[in-house]
PDB file of N, CA and C in Angstrom:
ATOM      1  N   MET A   1       6.974   2.281   2.366  1.00  0.00           N
ATOM      2  CA  MET A   1       5.616   2.307   2.168  1.00  0.00           C
ATOM      3  C   MET A   1       5.351   3.767   3.399  1.00  0.00           C
ATOM      4  N   ASP A   2       5.638   3.785   4.172  1.00  0.00           N
ATOM      5  CA  ASP A   2       5.189   4.881   5.149  1.00  0.00           C
ATOM      6  C   ASP A   2       5.828   5.751   5.235  1.00  0.00           C
ATOM      7  N   HIS A   3       7.283   6.104   4.434  1.00  0.00           N
ATOM      8  CA  HIS A   3       7.502   7.007   4.256  1.00  0.00           C
ATOM      9  C   HIS A   3       7.113   7.910   3.054  1.00  0.00           C
ATOM     10  N   ILE A   4       6.269   7.507   2.751  1.00  0.00           N
ATOM     11  CA  ILE A   4       6.264   7.719   1.228  1.00  0.00           C
ATOM     12  C   ILE A   4       4.378   8.403   1.685  1.00  0.00           C
ATOM     13  N   ALA A   5       3.940   7.444   2.434  1.00  0.00           N
ATOM     14  CA  ALA A   5       2.317   7.528   2.457  1.00  0.00           C
ATOM     15  C   ALA A   5       2.275   8.422   3.334  1.00  0.00           C
ATOM     16  N   HIS A   6       3.037   8.954   5.126  1.00  0.00           N
ATOM     17  CA  HIS A   6       2.893   9.229   5.871  1.00  0.00           C
ATOM     18  C   HIS A   6       4.100  10.194   6.010  1.00  0.00           C
ATOM     19  N   GLY A   7       4.890   9.885   5.049  1.00  0.00           N
ATOM     20  CA  GLY A   7       6.017  11.049   5.132  1.00  0.00           C
ATOM     21  C   GLY A   7       6.874  10.978   6.636  1.00  0.00           C
ATOM     22  N   TRP A   8       6.742   9.889   7.305  1.00  0.00           N
ATOM     23  CA  TRP A   8       8.151   9.322   8.202  1.00  0.00           C
ATOM     24  C   TRP A   8       9.055   9.571   7.578  1.00  0.00           C
ATOM     25  N   ASP A   9       9.757   9.782   8.719  1.00  0.00           N
ATOM     26  CA  ASP A   9      11.353   9.842   8.420  1.00  0.00           C
ATOM     27  C   ASP A   9      12.075   7.893   9.418  1.00  0.00           C
ATOM     28  N   ALA A  10      13.010   7.792   9.359  1.00  0.00           N
ATOM     29  CA  ALA A  10      13.404   6.758  10.063  1.00  0.00           C
ATOM     30  C   ALA A  10      13.368   6.505  11.024  1.00  0.00           C
ATOM     31  N   ASP A  11      13.363   7.493  12.420  1.00  0.00           N
ATOM     32  CA  ASP A  11      12.893   7.451  13.537  1.00  0.00           C
ATOM     33  C   ASP A  11      11.497   6.652  13.753  1.00  0.00           C
ATOM     34  N   GLU A  12      11.026   7.422  12.940  1.00  0.00           N
ATOM     35  CA  GLU A  12       9.086   7.366  12.962  1.00  0.00           C
ATOM     36  C   GLU A  12       9.300   5.970  12.580  1.00  0.00           C
ATOM     37  N   ILE A  13       9.540   5.750  11.602  1.00  0.00           N
ATOM     38  CA  ILE A  13       9.393   4.317  11.199  1.00  0.00           C
ATOM     39  C   ILE A  13       9.894   3.203  11.966  1.00  0.00           C
ATOM     40  N   ARG A  14      10.828   3.586  12.962  1.00  0.00           N
ATOM     41  CA  ARG A  14      11.020   2.429  13.886  1.00  0.00           C
ATOM     42  C   ARG A  14      10.016   2.622  15.462  1.00  0.00           C
ATOM     43  N   ARG A  15       9.752   3.517  15.400  1.00  0.00           N
ATOM     44  CA  ARG A  15       8.947   3.754  16.317  1.00  0.00           C
ATOM     45  C   ARG A  15       7.394   2.931  16.011  1.00  0.00           C
ATOM     46  N   GLN A  16       7.421   2.856  14.792  1.00  0.00           N
ATOM     47  CA  GLN A  16       5.815   1.824  14.550  1.00  0.00           C
ATOM     48  C   GLN A  16       6.157   1.109  14.168  1.00  0.00           C
ATOM     49  N   HIS A  17       7.524   0.553  13.472  1.00  0.00           N
ATOM     50  CA  HIS A  17       8.040  -0.965  13.411  1.00  0.00           C
ATOM     51  C   HIS A  17       9.176  -1.214  14.273  1.00  0.00           C
ATOM     52  N   PRO A  18       9.322  -1.555  15.724  1.00  0.00           N
ATOM     53  CA  PRO A  18      10.257  -2.167  16.777  1.00  0.00           C
ATOM     54  C   PRO A  18      10.438  -3.034  16.096  1.00  0.00           C
ATOM     55  N   GLU A  19      10.584  -4.007  15.340  1.00  0.00           N
ATOM     56  CA  GLU A  19      10.859  -5.111  14.481  1.00  0.00           C
ATOM     57  C   GLU A  19      11.528  -5.105  13.508  1.00  0.00           C
ATOM     58  N   LEU A  20      11.750  -3.771  12.849  1.00  0.00           N
ATOM     59  CA  LEU A  20      13.313  -3.073  11.970  1.00  0.00           C
ATOM     60  C   LEU A  20      13.732  -2.632  12.656  1.00  0.00           C
ATOM     61  N   SER A  21      15.531  -2.762  12.194  1.00  0.00           N
ATOM     62  CA  SER A  21      16.682  -2.188  12.984  1.00  0.00           C
ATOM     63  C   SER A  21      16.368  -0.937  12.027  1.00  0.00           C
ATOM     64  N   LEU A  22      16.972   0.056  12.687  1.00  0.00           N
ATOM     65  CA  LEU A  22      17.260   1.005  12.318  1.00  0.00           C
ATOM     66  C   LEU A  22      18.483   1.232  10.934  1.00  0.00           C
ATOM     67  N   ALA A  23      19.364   0.136  10.771  1.00  0.00           N
ATOM     68  CA  ALA A  23      20.206  -0.171   9.581  1.00  0.00           C
ATOM     69  C   ALA A  23      19.001  -0.666   8.583  1.00  0.00           C
ATOM     70  N   GLN A  24      18.212  -1.364   9.090  1.00  0.00           N
ATOM     71  CA  GLN A  24      17.462  -2.107   7.979  1.00  0.00           C
ATOM     72  C   GLN A  24      16.684  -0.783   7.574  1.00  0.00           C
ATOM     73  N   ILE A  25      15.958  -0.228   7.938  1.00  0.00           N
ATOM     74  CA  ILE A  25      15.306   1.056   7.913  1.00  0.00           C
ATOM     75  C   ILE A  25      15.698   2.043   6.402  1.00  0.00           C
ATOM     76  N   HIS A  26      17.190   2.570   7.373  1.00  0.00           N
ATOM     77  CA  HIS A  26      18.427   3.189   6.399  1.00  0.00           C
ATOM     78  C   HIS A  26      18.513   2.240   5.202  1.00  0.00           C
ATOM     79  N   SER A  27      18.767   1.266   5.154  1.00  0.00           N
ATOM     80  CA  SER A  27      18.571   0.242   3.802  1.00  0.00           C
ATOM     81  C   SER A  27      17.961   0.973   2.822  1.00  0.00           C
ATOM     82  N   ALA A  28      16.549   0.345   3.215  1.00  0.00           N
ATOM     83  CA  ALA A  28      15.252   0.328   2.267  1.00  0.00           C
ATOM     84  C   ALA A  28      15.446   1.824   1.934  1.00  0.00           C
ATOM     85  N   LEU A  29      15.439   2.636   2.740  1.00  0.00           N
ATOM     86  CA  LEU A  29      14.812   3.974   2.163  1.00  0.00           C
ATOM     87  C   LEU A  29      16.396   4.534   0.946  1.00  0.00           C
ATOM     88  N   ALA A  30      17.041   3.903   1.606  1.00  0.00           N
ATOM     89  CA  ALA A  30      18.644   4.185   0.894  1.00  0.00           C
ATOM     90  C   ALA A  30      18.275   3.599  -0.848  1.00  0.00           C
ATOM     91  N   PHE A  31      17.785   2.736  -0.327  1.00  0.00           N
ATOM     92  CA  PHE A  31      17.055   1.568  -2.044  1.00  0.00           C
ATOM     93  C   PHE A  31      16.273   2.518  -2.817  1.00  0.00           C
ATOM     94  N   TYR A  32      14.974   2.994  -1.809  1.00  0.00           N
ATOM     95  CA  TYR A  32      14.152   3.586  -3.085  1.00  0.00           C
ATOM     96  C   TYR A  32      14.719   5.159  -3.482  1.00  0.00           C
ATOM     97  N   TYR A  33      15.324   5.495  -2.801  1.00  0.00           N
ATOM     98  CA  TYR A  33      15.822   6.806  -3.324  1.00  0.00           C
ATOM     99  C   TYR A  33      17.092   6.642  -4.508  1.00  0.00           C
ATOM    100  N   ASP A  34      18.077   5.366  -4.356  1.00  0.00           N
ATOM    101  CA  ASP A  34      18.727   5.052  -5.547  1.00  0.00           C
ATOM    102  C   ASP A  34      18.387   4.684  -6.739  1.00  0.00           C
ATOM    103  N   ASN A  35      16.548   3.658  -6.599  1.00  0.00           N
ATOM    104  CA  ASN A  35      15.460   3.953  -7.431  1.00  0.00           C
ATOM    105  C   ASN A  35      14.480   4.177  -7.714  1.00  0.00           C
ATOM    106  N   LYS A  36      14.195   5.358  -7.342  1.00  0.00           N
ATOM    107  CA  LYS A  36      13.367   5.849  -7.344  1.00  0.00           C
ATOM    108  C   LYS A  36      12.167   5.947  -8.153  1.00  0.00           C
ATOM    109  N   SER A  37      12.006   6.063  -9.601  1.00  0.00           N
ATOM    110  CA  SER A  37      11.551   6.173 -10.473  1.00  0.00           C
ATOM    111  C   SER A  37      10.973   5.037 -10.850  1.00  0.00           C
ATOM    112  N   GLU A  38      11.716   3.662 -10.716  1.00  0.00           N
ATOM    113  CA  GLU A  38      11.258   2.208 -11.056  1.00  0.00           C
ATOM    114  C   GLU A  38      10.463   1.928  -9.814  1.00  0.00           C
ATOM    115  N   MET A  39      10.777   2.147  -8.103  1.00  0.00           N
ATOM    116  CA  MET A  39       9.999   2.280  -7.043  1.00  0.00           C
ATOM    117  C   MET A  39       8.635   2.849  -7.526  1.00  0.00           C
ATOM    118  N   GLU A  40       8.542   4.114  -7.615  1.00  0.00           N
ATOM    119  CA  GLU A  40       7.112   4.672  -8.121  1.00  0.00           C
ATOM    120  C   GLU A  40       6.166   4.367  -9.026  1.00  0.00           C
ATOM    121  N   GLU A  41       6.744   3.208 -10.189  1.00  0.00           N
ATOM    122  CA  GLU A  41       6.200   3.012 -11.374  1.00  0.00           C
ATOM    123  C   GLU A  41       5.637   1.958 -10.231  1.00  0.00           C
ATOM    124  N   SER A  42       6.121   0.988  -9.792  1.00  0.00           N
ATOM    125  CA  SER A  42       5.669  -0.210  -9.792  1.00  0.00           C
ATOM    126  C   SER A  42       4.804  -0.053  -8.293  1.00  0.00           C
ATOM    127  N   ILE A  43       4.778   1.052  -7.345  1.00  0.00           N
ATOM    128  CA  ILE A  43       3.513   1.620  -6.389  1.00  0.00           C
ATOM    129  C   ILE A  43       2.303   1.843  -7.725  1.00  0.00           C
ATOM    130  N   SER A  44       2.681   2.664  -8.326  1.00  0.00           N
ATOM    131  CA  SER A  44       1.795   3.023  -9.041  1.00  0.00           C
ATOM    132  C   SER A  44       1.056   2.181 -10.136  1.00  0.00           C
ATOM    133  N   ASP A  45       1.706   1.453 -10.689  1.00  0.00           N
ATOM    134  CA  ASP A  45       1.213  -0.487 -10.972  1.00  0.00           C
ATOM    135  C   ASP A  45       0.093  -0.761 -10.133  1.00  0.00           C
ATOM    136  N   SER A  46       0.765  -0.998  -8.704  1.00  0.00           N
ATOM    137  CA  SER A  46       0.046  -1.852  -7.851  1.00  0.00           C
ATOM    138  C   SER A  46      -1.018  -1.093  -7.107  1.00  0.00           C
ATOM    139  N   LEU A  47      -1.127   0.080  -7.064  1.00  0.00           N
ATOM    140  CA  LEU A  47      -2.171   0.858  -6.787  1.00  0.00           C
ATOM    141  C   LEU A  47      -3.000   0.762  -7.634  1.00  0.00           C
ATOM    142  N   ASP A  48      -3.124   0.618  -9.097  1.00  0.00           N
ATOM    143  CA  ASP A  48      -3.746   0.628 -10.597  1.00  0.00           C
ATOM    144  C   ASP A  48      -4.478  -0.633 -10.713  1.00  0.00           C
ATOM    145  N   PHE A  49      -3.572  -1.779  -9.975  1.00  0.00           N
ATOM    146  CA  PHE A  49      -4.245  -3.014  -9.706  1.00  0.00           C
ATOM    147  C   PHE A  49      -5.126  -3.292  -9.509  1.00  0.00           C
ATOM    148  N   SER A  50      -4.924  -3.129  -7.953  1.00  0.00           N
ATOM    149  CA  SER A  50      -5.656  -2.551  -6.500  1.00  0.00           C
ATOM    150  C   SER A  50      -7.455  -2.837  -7.091  1.00  0.00           C
ATOM    151  N   ARG A  51      -7.157  -0.893  -7.463  1.00  0.00           N
ATOM    152  CA  ARG A  51      -8.163  -0.342  -7.668  1.00  0.00           C
ATOM    153  C   ARG A  51      -9.137  -1.319  -8.989  1.00  0.00           C
ATOM    154  N   GLU A  52      -8.601  -1.892  -9.506  1.00  0.00           N
ATOM    155  CA  GLU A  52      -9.187  -2.362 -10.591  1.00  0.00           C
ATOM    156  C   GLU A  52      -9.992  -3.717  -9.755  1.00  0.00           C
ATOM    157  N   LEU A  53      -9.203  -4.379  -9.328  1.00  0.00           N
ATOM    158  CA  LEU A  53      -9.765  -5.295  -8.262  1.00  0.00           C
ATOM    159  C   LEU A  53     -10.519  -4.699  -7.430  1.00  0.00           C
ATOM    160  N   GLU A  54     -11.052  -4.374  -7.157  1.00  0.00           N
ATOM    161  CA  GLU A  54     -11.456  -3.649  -6.323  1.00  0.00           C
ATOM    162  C   GLU A  54     -13.118  -2.835  -6.832  1.00  0.00           C
ATOM    163  N   ALA A  55     -12.981  -2.797  -7.784  1.00  0.00           N
ATOM    164  CA  ALA A  55     -14.110  -2.052  -9.431  1.00  0.00           C
ATOM    165  C   ALA A  55     -14.153  -3.454  -9.152  1.00  0.00           C
ATOM    166  N   ARG A  56     -14.026  -4.353  -9.244  1.00  0.00           N
ATOM    167  CA  ARG A  56     -14.627  -5.936 -10.241  1.00  0.00           C
ATOM    168  C   ARG A  56     -14.947  -6.545  -9.274  1.00  0.00           C
ATOM    169  N   ILE A  57     -14.803  -6.522  -8.210  1.00  0.00           N
ATOM    170  CA  ILE A  57     -15.327  -6.805  -6.869  1.00  0.00           C
ATOM    171  C   ILE A  57     -16.684  -6.301  -6.669  1.00  0.00           C
ATOM    172  N   THR A  58     -16.538  -5.119  -6.363  1.00  0.00           N
ATOM    173  CA  THR A  58     -17.742  -3.826  -6.141  1.00  0.00           C
ATOM    174  C   THR A  58     -18.821  -3.953  -7.089  1.00  0.00           C
ATOM    175  N   SER A  59     -18.746  -4.949  -8.188  1.00  0.00           N
ATOM    176  CA  SER A  59     -19.642  -5.111  -9.211  1.00  0.00           C
ATOM    177  C   SER A  59     -20.052  -6.077  -9.761  1.00  0.00           C
ATOM    178  N   SER A  60     -19.901  -7.138  -8.861  1.00  0.00           N
ATOM    179  CA  SER A  60     -19.819  -8.701  -9.024  1.00  0.00           C
ATOM    180  C   SER A  60     -21.647  -8.792  -9.003  1.00  0.00           C
ATOM    181  N   PRO A  61     -22.586  -9.740  -9.661  1.00  0.00           N
ATOM    182  CA  PRO A  61     -23.361 -10.660  -9.147  1.00  0.00           C
ATOM    183  C   PRO A  61     -23.910 -10.459  -7.768  1.00  0.00           C
ATOM    184  N   MET A  62     -22.719 -11.662  -7.322  1.00  0.00           N
ATOM    185  CA  MET A  62     -23.093 -11.936  -5.735  1.00  0.00           C
ATOM    186  C   MET A  62     -23.486 -10.178  -5.002  1.00  0.00           C
ATOM    187  N   ILE A  63     -21.879  -9.282  -4.875  1.00  0.00           N
ATOM    188  CA  ILE A  63     -22.122  -8.459  -4.102  1.00  0.00           C
ATOM    189  C   ILE A  63     -23.660  -7.444  -4.080  1.00  0.00           C
ATOM    190  N   ALA A  64     -24.395  -7.516  -5.566  1.00  0.00           N
ATOM    191  CA  ALA A  64     -25.575  -6.895  -6.172  1.00  0.00           C
ATOM    192  C   ALA A  64     -26.286  -7.520  -5.317  1.00  0.00           C
ATOM    193  N   ARG A  65     -26.293  -9.164  -5.228  1.00  0.00           N
ATOM    194  CA  ARG A  65     -27.494  -9.670  -4.352  1.00  0.00           C
ATOM    195  C   ARG A  65     -27.375  -9.848  -3.078  1.00  0.00           C
ATOM    196  N   LEU A  66     -26.512  -9.699  -2.195  1.00  0.00           N
ATOM    197  CA  LEU A  66     -26.085  -9.241  -0.693  1.00  0.00           C
ATOM    198  C   LEU A  66     -26.850  -7.946  -0.179  1.00  0.00           C
ATOM    199  N   ARG A  67     -25.942  -7.163  -1.361  1.00  0.00           N
ATOM    200  CA  ARG A  67     -27.195  -5.958  -0.990  1.00  0.00           C
ATOM    201  C   ARG A  67     -27.870  -5.364  -1.083  1.00  0.00           C
ATOM    202  N   ALA A  68     -28.714  -6.225  -1.565  1.00  0.00           N
ATOM    203  CA  ALA A  68     -29.924  -6.721  -2.522  1.00  0.00           C
ATOM    204  C   ALA A  68     -31.077  -7.125  -0.818  1.00  0.00           C
ATOM    205  N   THR A  69     -29.806  -7.948  -0.441  1.00  0.00           N
ATOM    206  CA  THR A  69     -30.054  -8.518   0.656  1.00  0.00           C
ATOM    207  C   THR A  69     -30.113  -8.109   1.982  1.00  0.00           C
ATOM    208  N   LYS A  70     -29.520  -6.820   1.916  1.00  0.00           N
ATOM    209  CA  LYS A  70     -29.097  -5.667   2.875  1.00  0.00           C
ATOM    210  C   LYS A  70     -28.051  -6.791   3.871  1.00  0.00           C
ATOM    211  N   LEU A  71     -27.394  -7.667   3.454  1.00  0.00           N
ATOM    212  CA  LEU A  71     -26.641  -8.415   4.242  1.00  0.00           C
ATOM    213  C   LEU A  71     -25.327  -7.822   4.112  1.00  0.00           C
ATOM    214  N   MET A  72     -25.359  -6.824   3.097  1.00  0.00           N
ATOM    215  CA  MET A  72     -23.661  -5.949   2.997  1.00  0.00           C
ATOM    216  C   MET A  72     -24.445  -4.569   2.815  1.00  0.00           C
ATOM    217  N   LYS A  73     -23.311  -3.553   3.258  1.00  0.00           N
ATOM    218  CA  LYS A  73     -23.935  -1.986   2.839  1.00  0.00           C
ATOM    219  C   LYS A  73     -23.247  -1.848   1.630  1.00  0.00           C
TER     220      LYS A  73
END
């Protein structure tokens, strides 16, 4: 995700995530490129799902009551 979202290369990912080895990062990037269309479809589906959940949550009656009492922005 960092490669896609931030354009980070393997070295930058390693700097940001020292718990990962370069071998693990290169393996993950290779898997992504070998399965790019399926991975991008999965990412898109996850993003759509999270946006749908956010819309449900922000339009819930409880959120409306909290906003009315100024406990929430």
